[in-house]
Amino acid sequence: MGVQSVKIPVELELQKLQSSINTLQAAFDKVKPGTKIYNDISRQLEKAKKDFLNLQIASEKAFSNTAEVTKFEKSFGRVTDEITAAARML
C-alpha cells in the first residue's frame, strides 16, 4: 500500500481569517502614519499577512501524516494570535 494523504477542507476557516485581516487593515488605514503605534501595527499586520499566505499555500496540499496536520493547526493558531495582537494595539 502506498502513501496515503487526505485533503482537509479548511476554506471556510481561511475565509474567516482573511475577513479578520481585511477588517484589521481597514482600521489600520485610519491610524496616523509615522507614529509608533502605526509602525507597531504595521509590523504585526505584515507578519500576519505573510503567515496567512503560507497557511493558504499549505492548505492547498494534502496532508500525509498527523505531524503535518498538527503543524498546520499551530500555524493557524499563530495567525489568529497575530491578528488578535494587532487588533489590541488599535
PDB file of N, CA and C in Angstrom:
ATOM      1  N   MET A   1       0.849  -1.174   0.000  1.00  0.00           N
ATOM      2  CA  MET A   1       0.000   0.000   0.000  1.00  0.00           C
ATOM      3  C   MET A   1       0.894   1.236   0.000  1.00  0.00           C
ATOM      4  N   GLY A   2       0.599   2.195  -0.875  1.00  0.00           N
ATOM      5  CA  GLY A   2       1.395   3.413  -0.988  1.00  0.00           C
ATOM      6  C   GLY A   2       1.043   4.430   0.082  1.00  0.00           C
ATOM      7  N   VAL A   3       1.716   5.546  -0.006  1.00  0.00           N
ATOM      8  CA  VAL A   3       1.470   6.638   0.937  1.00  0.00           C
ATOM      9  C   VAL A   3       0.072   7.186   0.695  1.00  0.00           C
ATOM     10  N   GLN A   4      -0.655   7.339   1.756  1.00  0.00           N
ATOM     11  CA  GLN A   4      -1.998   7.898   1.636  1.00  0.00           C
ATOM     12  C   GLN A   4      -1.982   9.315   2.176  1.00  0.00           C
ATOM     13  N   SER A   5      -2.813  10.129   1.605  1.00  0.00           N
ATOM     14  CA  SER A   5      -2.914  11.503   2.076  1.00  0.00           C
ATOM     15  C   SER A   5      -4.382  11.902   2.102  1.00  0.00           C
ATOM     16  N   VAL A   6      -4.637  12.968   2.811  1.00  0.00           N
ATOM     17  CA  VAL A   6      -6.005  13.450   2.942  1.00  0.00           C
ATOM     18  C   VAL A   6      -6.019  14.961   2.763  1.00  0.00           C
ATOM     19  N   LYS A   7      -7.025  15.441   2.071  1.00  0.00           N
ATOM     20  CA  LYS A   7      -7.219  16.881   1.893  1.00  0.00           C
ATOM     21  C   LYS A   7      -8.292  17.303   2.894  1.00  0.00           C
ATOM     22  N   ILE A   8      -7.958  18.223   3.753  1.00  0.00           N
ATOM     23  CA  ILE A   8      -8.894  18.696   4.772  1.00  0.00           C
ATOM     24  C   ILE A   8      -9.488  20.017   4.298  1.00  0.00           C
ATOM     25  N   PRO A   9     -10.813  20.097   4.206  1.00  0.00           N
ATOM     26  CA  PRO A   9     -11.434  21.346   3.742  1.00  0.00           C
ATOM     27  C   PRO A   9     -11.386  22.428   4.818  1.00  0.00           C
ATOM     28  N   VAL A  10     -10.516  23.391   4.622  1.00  0.00           N
ATOM     29  CA  VAL A  10     -10.353  24.466   5.601  1.00  0.00           C
ATOM     30  C   VAL A  10     -10.667  25.833   4.993  1.00  0.00           C
ATOM     31  N   GLU A  11     -11.261  25.834   3.813  1.00  0.00           N
ATOM     32  CA  GLU A  11     -11.504  27.087   3.107  1.00  0.00           C
ATOM     33  C   GLU A  11     -12.353  28.064   3.916  1.00  0.00           C
ATOM     34  N   LEU A  12     -13.387  27.562   4.578  1.00  0.00           N
ATOM     35  CA  LEU A  12     -14.259  28.442   5.361  1.00  0.00           C
ATOM     36  C   LEU A  12     -13.489  29.123   6.485  1.00  0.00           C
ATOM     37  N   GLU A  13     -12.663  28.368   7.178  1.00  0.00           N
ATOM     38  CA  GLU A  13     -11.867  28.948   8.269  1.00  0.00           C
ATOM     39  C   GLU A  13     -10.857  29.956   7.730  1.00  0.00           C
ATOM     40  N   LEU A  14     -10.269  29.665   6.581  1.00  0.00           N
ATOM     41  CA  LEU A  14      -9.330  30.613   5.975  1.00  0.00           C
ATOM     42  C   LEU A  14     -10.054  31.876   5.527  1.00  0.00           C
ATOM     43  N   GLN A  15     -11.278  31.735   5.046  1.00  0.00           N
ATOM     44  CA  GLN A  15     -12.064  32.917   4.672  1.00  0.00           C
ATOM     45  C   GLN A  15     -12.323  33.800   5.891  1.00  0.00           C
ATOM     46  N   LYS A  16     -12.574  33.181   7.030  1.00  0.00           N
ATOM     47  CA  LYS A  16     -12.799  33.945   8.263  1.00  0.00           C
ATOM     48  C   LYS A  16     -11.530  34.704   8.658  1.00  0.00           C
ATOM     49  N   LEU A  17     -10.383  34.039   8.548  1.00  0.00           N
ATOM     50  CA  LEU A  17      -9.117  34.703   8.853  1.00  0.00           C
ATOM     51  C   LEU A  17      -8.879  35.865   7.891  1.00  0.00           C
ATOM     52  N   GLN A  18      -9.148  35.639   6.602  1.00  0.00           N
ATOM     53  CA  GLN A  18      -8.953  36.689   5.605  1.00  0.00           C
ATOM     54  C   GLN A  18      -9.864  37.878   5.907  1.00  0.00           C
ATOM     55  N   SER A  19     -11.089  37.602   6.302  1.00  0.00           N
ATOM     56  CA  SER A  19     -12.022  38.670   6.666  1.00  0.00           C
ATOM     57  C   SER A  19     -11.505  39.463   7.863  1.00  0.00           C
ATOM     58  N   SER A  20     -10.943  38.765   8.836  1.00  0.00           N
ATOM     59  CA  SER A  20     -10.378  39.445  10.010  1.00  0.00           C
ATOM     60  C   SER A  20      -9.201  40.324   9.620  1.00  0.00           C
ATOM     61  N   ILE A  21      -8.362  39.828   8.731  1.00  0.00           N
ATOM     62  CA  ILE A  21      -7.226  40.621   8.261  1.00  0.00           C
ATOM     63  C   ILE A  21      -7.717  41.845   7.515  1.00  0.00           C
ATOM     64  N   ASN A  22      -8.728  41.684   6.678  1.00  0.00           N
ATOM     65  CA  ASN A  22      -9.280  42.822   5.930  1.00  0.00           C
ATOM     66  C   ASN A  22      -9.880  43.874   6.857  1.00  0.00           C
ATOM     67  N   THR A  23     -10.592  43.433   7.884  1.00  0.00           N
ATOM     68  CA  THR A  23     -11.179  44.349   8.860  1.00  0.00           C
ATOM     69  C   THR A  23     -10.081  45.092   9.611  1.00  0.00           C
ATOM     70  N   LEU A  24      -9.066  44.366  10.006  1.00  0.00           N
ATOM     71  CA  LEU A  24      -7.933  44.967  10.706  1.00  0.00           C
ATOM     72  C   LEU A  24      -7.222  45.979   9.809  1.00  0.00           C
ATOM     73  N   GLN A  25      -7.034  45.629   8.540  1.00  0.00           N
ATOM     74  CA  GLN A  25      -6.386  46.538   7.596  1.00  0.00           C
ATOM     75  C   GLN A  25      -7.195  47.828   7.450  1.00  0.00           C
ATOM     76  N   ALA A  26      -8.517  47.720   7.378  1.00  0.00           N
ATOM     77  CA  ALA A  26      -9.366  48.905   7.257  1.00  0.00           C
ATOM     78  C   ALA A  26      -9.229  49.815   8.477  1.00  0.00           C
ATOM     79  N   ALA A  27      -9.165  49.225   9.654  1.00  0.00           N
ATOM     80  CA  ALA A  27      -8.986  50.009  10.879  1.00  0.00           C
ATOM     81  C   ALA A  27      -7.587  50.617  10.920  1.00  0.00           C
ATOM     82  N   PHE A  28      -6.602  49.857  10.495  1.00  0.00           N
ATOM     83  CA  PHE A  28      -5.214  50.320  10.478  1.00  0.00           C
ATOM     84  C   PHE A  28      -5.043  51.513   9.545  1.00  0.00           C
ATOM     85  N   ASP A  29      -5.764  51.506   8.439  1.00  0.00           N
ATOM     86  CA  ASP A  29      -5.664  52.593   7.467  1.00  0.00           C
ATOM     87  C   ASP A  29      -6.050  53.953   8.056  1.00  0.00           C
ATOM     88  N   LYS A  30      -6.722  53.942   9.205  1.00  0.00           N
ATOM     89  CA  LYS A  30      -7.133  55.186   9.856  1.00  0.00           C
ATOM     90  C   LYS A  30      -6.099  55.700  10.859  1.00  0.00           C
ATOM     91  N   VAL A  31      -5.063  54.898  11.108  1.00  0.00           N
ATOM     92  CA  VAL A  31      -4.010  55.285  12.054  1.00  0.00           C
ATOM     93  C   VAL A  31      -3.034  56.229  11.354  1.00  0.00           C
ATOM     94  N   LYS A  32      -2.601  57.247  12.084  1.00  0.00           N
ATOM     95  CA  LYS A  32      -1.697  58.248  11.518  1.00  0.00           C
ATOM     96  C   LYS A  32      -0.328  57.625  11.217  1.00  0.00           C
ATOM     97  N   PRO A  33       0.103  57.695   9.951  1.00  0.00           N
ATOM     98  CA  PRO A  33       1.417  57.143   9.581  1.00  0.00           C
ATOM     99  C   PRO A  33       2.558  57.833  10.325  1.00  0.00           C
ATOM    100  N   GLY A  34       3.616  57.084  10.560  1.00  0.00           N
ATOM    101  CA  GLY A  34       4.805  57.641  11.196  1.00  0.00           C
ATOM    102  C   GLY A  34       4.796  57.583  12.708  1.00  0.00           C
ATOM    103  N   THR A  35       3.672  57.252  13.298  1.00  0.00           N
ATOM    104  CA  THR A  35       3.619  57.156  14.759  1.00  0.00           C
ATOM    105  C   THR A  35       4.117  55.774  15.197  1.00  0.00           C
ATOM    106  N   LYS A  36       4.468  55.662  16.462  1.00  0.00           N
ATOM    107  CA  LYS A  36       4.947  54.378  16.986  1.00  0.00           C
ATOM    108  C   LYS A  36       3.875  53.310  16.843  1.00  0.00           C
ATOM    109  N   ILE A  37       2.646  53.649  17.168  1.00  0.00           N
ATOM    110  CA  ILE A  37       1.560  52.668  17.078  1.00  0.00           C
ATOM    111  C   ILE A  37       1.372  52.210  15.627  1.00  0.00           C
ATOM    112  N   TYR A  38       1.515  53.138  14.697  1.00  0.00           N
ATOM    113  CA  TYR A  38       1.405  52.804  13.274  1.00  0.00           C
ATOM    114  C   TYR A  38       2.478  51.790  12.896  1.00  0.00           C
ATOM    115  N   ASN A  39       3.710  52.062  13.305  1.00  0.00           N
ATOM    116  CA  ASN A  39       4.818  51.162  12.974  1.00  0.00           C
ATOM    117  C   ASN A  39       4.641  49.787  13.623  1.00  0.00           C
ATOM    118  N   ASP A  40       4.191  49.766  14.877  1.00  0.00           N
ATOM    119  CA  ASP A  40       3.985  48.503  15.582  1.00  0.00           C
ATOM    120  C   ASP A  40       2.888  47.667  14.917  1.00  0.00           C
ATOM    121  N   ILE A  41       1.783  48.305  14.626  1.00  0.00           N
ATOM    122  CA  ILE A  41       0.672  47.592  13.984  1.00  0.00           C
ATOM    123  C   ILE A  41       1.068  47.143  12.587  1.00  0.00           C
ATOM    124  N   SER A  42       1.786  47.998  11.888  1.00  0.00           N
ATOM    125  CA  SER A  42       2.216  47.658  10.534  1.00  0.00           C
ATOM    126  C   SER A  42       3.054  46.382  10.527  1.00  0.00           C
ATOM    127  N   ARG A  43       4.001  46.298  11.447  1.00  0.00           N
ATOM    128  CA  ARG A  43       4.839  45.092  11.537  1.00  0.00           C
ATOM    129  C   ARG A  43       3.998  43.857  11.856  1.00  0.00           C
ATOM    130  N   GLN A  44       3.106  43.993  12.811  1.00  0.00           N
ATOM    131  CA  GLN A  44       2.266  42.861  13.222  1.00  0.00           C
ATOM    132  C   GLN A  44       1.335  42.434  12.089  1.00  0.00           C
ATOM    133  N   LEU A  45       0.757  43.392  11.400  1.00  0.00           N
ATOM    134  CA  LEU A  45      -0.160  43.103  10.303  1.00  0.00           C
ATOM    135  C   LEU A  45       0.575  42.438   9.137  1.00  0.00           C
ATOM    136  N   GLU A  46       1.749  42.923   8.821  1.00  0.00           N
ATOM    137  CA  GLU A  46       2.528  42.322   7.729  1.00  0.00           C
ATOM    138  C   GLU A  46       2.932  40.886   8.074  1.00  0.00           C
ATOM    139  N   LYS A  47       3.271  40.652   9.322  1.00  0.00           N
ATOM    140  CA  LYS A  47       3.611  39.301   9.767  1.00  0.00           C
ATOM    141  C   LYS A  47       2.395  38.383   9.630  1.00  0.00           C
ATOM    142  N   ALA A  48       1.233  38.868  10.038  1.00  0.00           N
ATOM    143  CA  ALA A  48       0.005  38.074   9.924  1.00  0.00           C
ATOM    144  C   ALA A  48      -0.304  37.767   8.463  1.00  0.00           C
ATOM    145  N   LYS A  49      -0.135  38.750   7.590  1.00  0.00           N
ATOM    146  CA  LYS A  49      -0.411  38.540   6.163  1.00  0.00           C
ATOM    147  C   LYS A  49       0.544  37.509   5.567  1.00  0.00           C
ATOM    148  N   LYS A  50       1.809  37.599   5.928  1.00  0.00           N
ATOM    149  CA  LYS A  50       2.811  36.658   5.415  1.00  0.00           C
ATOM    150  C   LYS A  50       2.507  35.238   5.895  1.00  0.00           C
ATOM    151  N   ASP A  51       2.236  35.104   7.185  1.00  0.00           N
ATOM    152  CA  ASP A  51       1.926  33.784   7.726  1.00  0.00           C
ATOM    153  C   ASP A  51       0.615  33.240   7.161  1.00  0.00           C
ATOM    154  N   PHE A  52      -0.346  34.129   6.905  1.00  0.00           N
ATOM    155  CA  PHE A  52      -1.610  33.707   6.308  1.00  0.00           C
ATOM    156  C   PHE A  52      -1.372  33.177   4.898  1.00  0.00           C
ATOM    157  N   LEU A  53      -0.533  33.846   4.129  1.00  0.00           N
ATOM    158  CA  LEU A  53      -0.220  33.382   2.779  1.00  0.00           C
ATOM    159  C   LEU A  53       0.401  31.987   2.819  1.00  0.00           C
ATOM    160  N   ASN A  54       1.328  31.786   3.742  1.00  0.00           N
ATOM    161  CA  ASN A  54       1.932  30.455   3.907  1.00  0.00           C
ATOM    162  C   ASN A  54       0.883  29.416   4.304  1.00  0.00           C
ATOM    163  N   LEU A  55      -0.069  29.825   5.113  1.00  0.00           N
ATOM    164  CA  LEU A  55      -1.143  28.939   5.532  1.00  0.00           C
ATOM    165  C   LEU A  55      -2.027  28.568   4.337  1.00  0.00           C
ATOM    166  N   GLN A  56      -2.337  29.550   3.496  1.00  0.00           N
ATOM    167  CA  GLN A  56      -3.126  29.275   2.292  1.00  0.00           C
ATOM    168  C   GLN A  56      -2.414  28.271   1.396  1.00  0.00           C
ATOM    169  N   ILE A  57      -1.132  28.460   1.207  1.00  0.00           N
ATOM    170  CA  ILE A  57      -0.349  27.548   0.368  1.00  0.00           C
ATOM    171  C   ILE A  57      -0.379  26.142   0.959  1.00  0.00           C
ATOM    172  N   ALA A  58      -0.191  26.054   2.268  1.00  0.00           N
ATOM    173  CA  ALA A  58      -0.204  24.752   2.942  1.00  0.00           C
ATOM    174  C   ALA A  58      -1.571  24.084   2.836  1.00  0.00           C
ATOM    175  N   SER A  59      -2.636  24.874   2.837  1.00  0.00           N
ATOM    176  CA  SER A  59      -3.988  24.307   2.796  1.00  0.00           C
ATOM    177  C   SER A  59      -4.314  23.686   1.447  1.00  0.00           C
ATOM    178  N   GLU A  60      -3.581  24.055   0.431  1.00  0.00           N
ATOM    179  CA  GLU A  60      -3.837  23.522  -0.909  1.00  0.00           C
ATOM    180  C   GLU A  60      -3.236  22.134  -1.102  1.00  0.00           C
ATOM    181  N   LYS A  61      -2.391  21.732  -0.183  1.00  0.00           N
ATOM    182  CA  LYS A  61      -1.749  20.429  -0.270  1.00  0.00           C
ATOM    183  C   LYS A  61      -2.495  19.416   0.585  1.00  0.00           C
ATOM    184  N   ALA A  62      -2.365  18.174   0.220  1.00  0.00           N
ATOM    185  CA  ALA A  62      -2.945  17.110   1.037  1.00  0.00           C
ATOM    186  C   ALA A  62      -1.971  16.779   2.163  1.00  0.00           C
ATOM    187  N   PHE A  63      -2.510  16.435   3.305  1.00  0.00           N
ATOM    188  CA  PHE A  63      -1.696  16.060   4.450  1.00  0.00           C
ATOM    189  C   PHE A  63      -1.459  14.554   4.410  1.00  0.00           C
ATOM    190  N   SER A  64      -0.222  14.143   4.622  1.00  0.00           N
ATOM    191  CA  SER A  64       0.082  12.713   4.551  1.00  0.00           C
ATOM    192  C   SER A  64       0.338  12.086   5.921  1.00  0.00           C
ATOM    193  N   ASN A  65       0.389  12.933   6.963  1.00  0.00           N
ATOM    194  CA  ASN A  65       0.557  12.379   8.313  1.00  0.00           C
ATOM    195  C   ASN A  65       0.038  13.383   9.340  1.00  0.00           C
ATOM    196  N   THR A  66      -0.098  12.907  10.561  1.00  0.00           N
ATOM    197  CA  THR A  66      -0.666  13.765  11.608  1.00  0.00           C
ATOM    198  C   THR A  66       0.263  14.915  11.980  1.00  0.00           C
ATOM    199  N   ALA A  67       1.566  14.747  11.795  1.00  0.00           N
ATOM    200  CA  ALA A  67       2.504  15.829  12.103  1.00  0.00           C
ATOM    201  C   ALA A  67       2.235  17.035  11.205  1.00  0.00           C
ATOM    202  N   GLU A  68       1.899  16.789   9.951  1.00  0.00           N
ATOM    203  CA  GLU A  68       1.587  17.890   9.032  1.00  0.00           C
ATOM    204  C   GLU A  68       0.297  18.603   9.448  1.00  0.00           C
ATOM    205  N   VAL A  69      -0.672  17.837   9.907  1.00  0.00           N
ATOM    206  CA  VAL A  69      -1.925  18.428  10.381  1.00  0.00           C
ATOM    207  C   VAL A  69      -1.660  19.276  11.621  1.00  0.00           C
ATOM    208  N   THR A  70      -0.859  18.752  12.532  1.00  0.00           N
ATOM    209  CA  THR A  70      -0.511  19.487  13.754  1.00  0.00           C
ATOM    210  C   THR A  70       0.229  20.779  13.422  1.00  0.00           C
ATOM    211  N   LYS A  71       1.151  20.718  12.493  1.00  0.00           N
ATOM    212  CA  LYS A  71       1.899  21.909  12.076  1.00  0.00           C
ATOM    213  C   LYS A  71       0.944  22.946  11.486  1.00  0.00           C
ATOM    214  N   PHE A  72      -0.002  22.496  10.673  1.00  0.00           N
ATOM    215  CA  PHE A  72      -0.986  23.400  10.089  1.00  0.00           C
ATOM    216  C   PHE A  72      -1.830  24.053  11.186  1.00  0.00           C
ATOM    217  N   GLU A  73      -2.278  23.263  12.139  1.00  0.00           N
ATOM    218  CA  GLU A  73      -3.087  23.789  13.239  1.00  0.00           C
ATOM    219  C   GLU A  73      -2.320  24.850  14.026  1.00  0.00           C
ATOM    220  N   LYS A  74      -1.046  24.585  14.290  1.00  0.00           N
ATOM    221  CA  LYS A  74      -0.226  25.555  15.029  1.00  0.00           C
ATOM    222  C   LYS A  74      -0.047  26.834  14.221  1.00  0.00           C
ATOM    223  N   SER A  75       0.148  26.704  12.927  1.00  0.00           N
ATOM    224  CA  SER A  75       0.286  27.882  12.060  1.00  0.00           C
ATOM    225  C   SER A  75      -1.002  28.685  12.042  1.00  0.00           C
ATOM    226  N   PHE A  76      -2.126  27.993  11.994  1.00  0.00           N
ATOM    227  CA  PHE A  76      -3.430  28.655  12.019  1.00  0.00           C
ATOM    228  C   PHE A  76      -3.586  29.436  13.315  1.00  0.00           C
ATOM    229  N   GLY A  77      -3.224  28.804  14.425  1.00  0.00           N
ATOM    230  CA  GLY A  77      -3.301  29.472  15.727  1.00  0.00           C
ATOM    231  C   GLY A  77      -2.387  30.677  15.810  1.00  0.00           C
ATOM    232  N   ARG A  78      -1.199  30.571  15.211  1.00  0.00           N
ATOM    233  CA  ARG A  78      -0.254  31.685  15.224  1.00  0.00           C
ATOM    234  C   ARG A  78      -0.825  32.883  14.462  1.00  0.00           C
ATOM    235  N   VAL A  79      -1.442  32.640  13.308  1.00  0.00           N
ATOM    236  CA  VAL A  79      -2.034  33.737  12.536  1.00  0.00           C
ATOM    237  C   VAL A  79      -3.165  34.380  13.340  1.00  0.00           C
ATOM    238  N   THR A  80      -3.969  33.567  13.957  1.00  0.00           N
ATOM    239  CA  THR A  80      -5.058  34.090  14.796  1.00  0.00           C
ATOM    240  C   THR A  80      -4.501  34.956  15.919  1.00  0.00           C
ATOM    241  N   ASP A  81      -3.442  34.494  16.558  1.00  0.00           N
ATOM    242  CA  ASP A  81      -2.813  35.267  17.636  1.00  0.00           C
ATOM    243  C   ASP A  81      -2.229  36.583  17.120  1.00  0.00           C
ATOM    244  N   GLU A  82      -1.634  36.554  15.930  1.00  0.00           N
ATOM    245  CA  GLU A  82      -1.063  37.773  15.347  1.00  0.00           C
ATOM    246  C   GLU A  82      -2.146  38.801  15.035  1.00  0.00           C
ATOM    247  N   ILE A  83      -3.266  38.323  14.520  1.00  0.00           N
ATOM    248  CA  ILE A  83      -4.382  39.223  14.224  1.00  0.00           C
ATOM    249  C   ILE A  83      -4.920  39.828  15.520  1.00  0.00           C
ATOM    250  N   THR A  84      -5.066  38.997  16.530  1.00  0.00           N
ATOM    251  CA  THR A  84      -5.561  39.466  17.828  1.00  0.00           C
ATOM    252  C   THR A  84      -4.605  40.491  18.425  1.00  0.00           C
ATOM    253  N   ALA A  85      -3.308  40.226  18.356  1.00  0.00           N
ATOM    254  CA  ALA A  85      -2.310  41.154  18.911  1.00  0.00           C
ATOM    255  C   ALA A  85      -2.368  42.499  18.206  1.00  0.00           C
ATOM    256  N   ALA A  86      -2.499  42.479  16.891  1.00  0.00           N
ATOM    257  CA  ALA A  86      -2.567  43.742  16.139  1.00  0.00           C
ATOM    258  C   ALA A  86      -3.860  44.489  16.476  1.00  0.00           C
ATOM    259  N   ALA A  87      -4.958  43.760  16.603  1.00  0.00           N
ATOM    260  CA  ALA A  87      -6.241  44.389  16.933  1.00  0.00           C
ATOM    261  C   ALA A  87      -6.203  45.045  18.312  1.00  0.00           C
ATOM    262  N   ARG A  88      -5.502  44.440  19.246  1.00  0.00           N
ATOM    263  CA  ARG A  88      -5.397  45.022  20.591  1.00  0.00           C
ATOM    264  C   ARG A  88      -4.621  46.330  20.596  1.00  0.00           C
ATOM    265  N   MET A  89      -3.760  46.513  19.618  1.00  0.00           N
ATOM    266  CA  MET A  89      -2.971  47.742  19.534  1.00  0.00           C
ATOM    267  C   MET A  89      -3.810  48.923  19.076  1.00  0.00           C
ATOM    268  N   LEU A  90      -4.913  48.639  18.402  1.00  0.00           N
ATOM    269  CA  LEU A  90      -5.734  49.736  17.858  1.00  0.00           C
ATOM    270  C   LEU A  90      -6.503  50.465  18.919  1.00  0.00           C
TER     271      LEU A  90
END
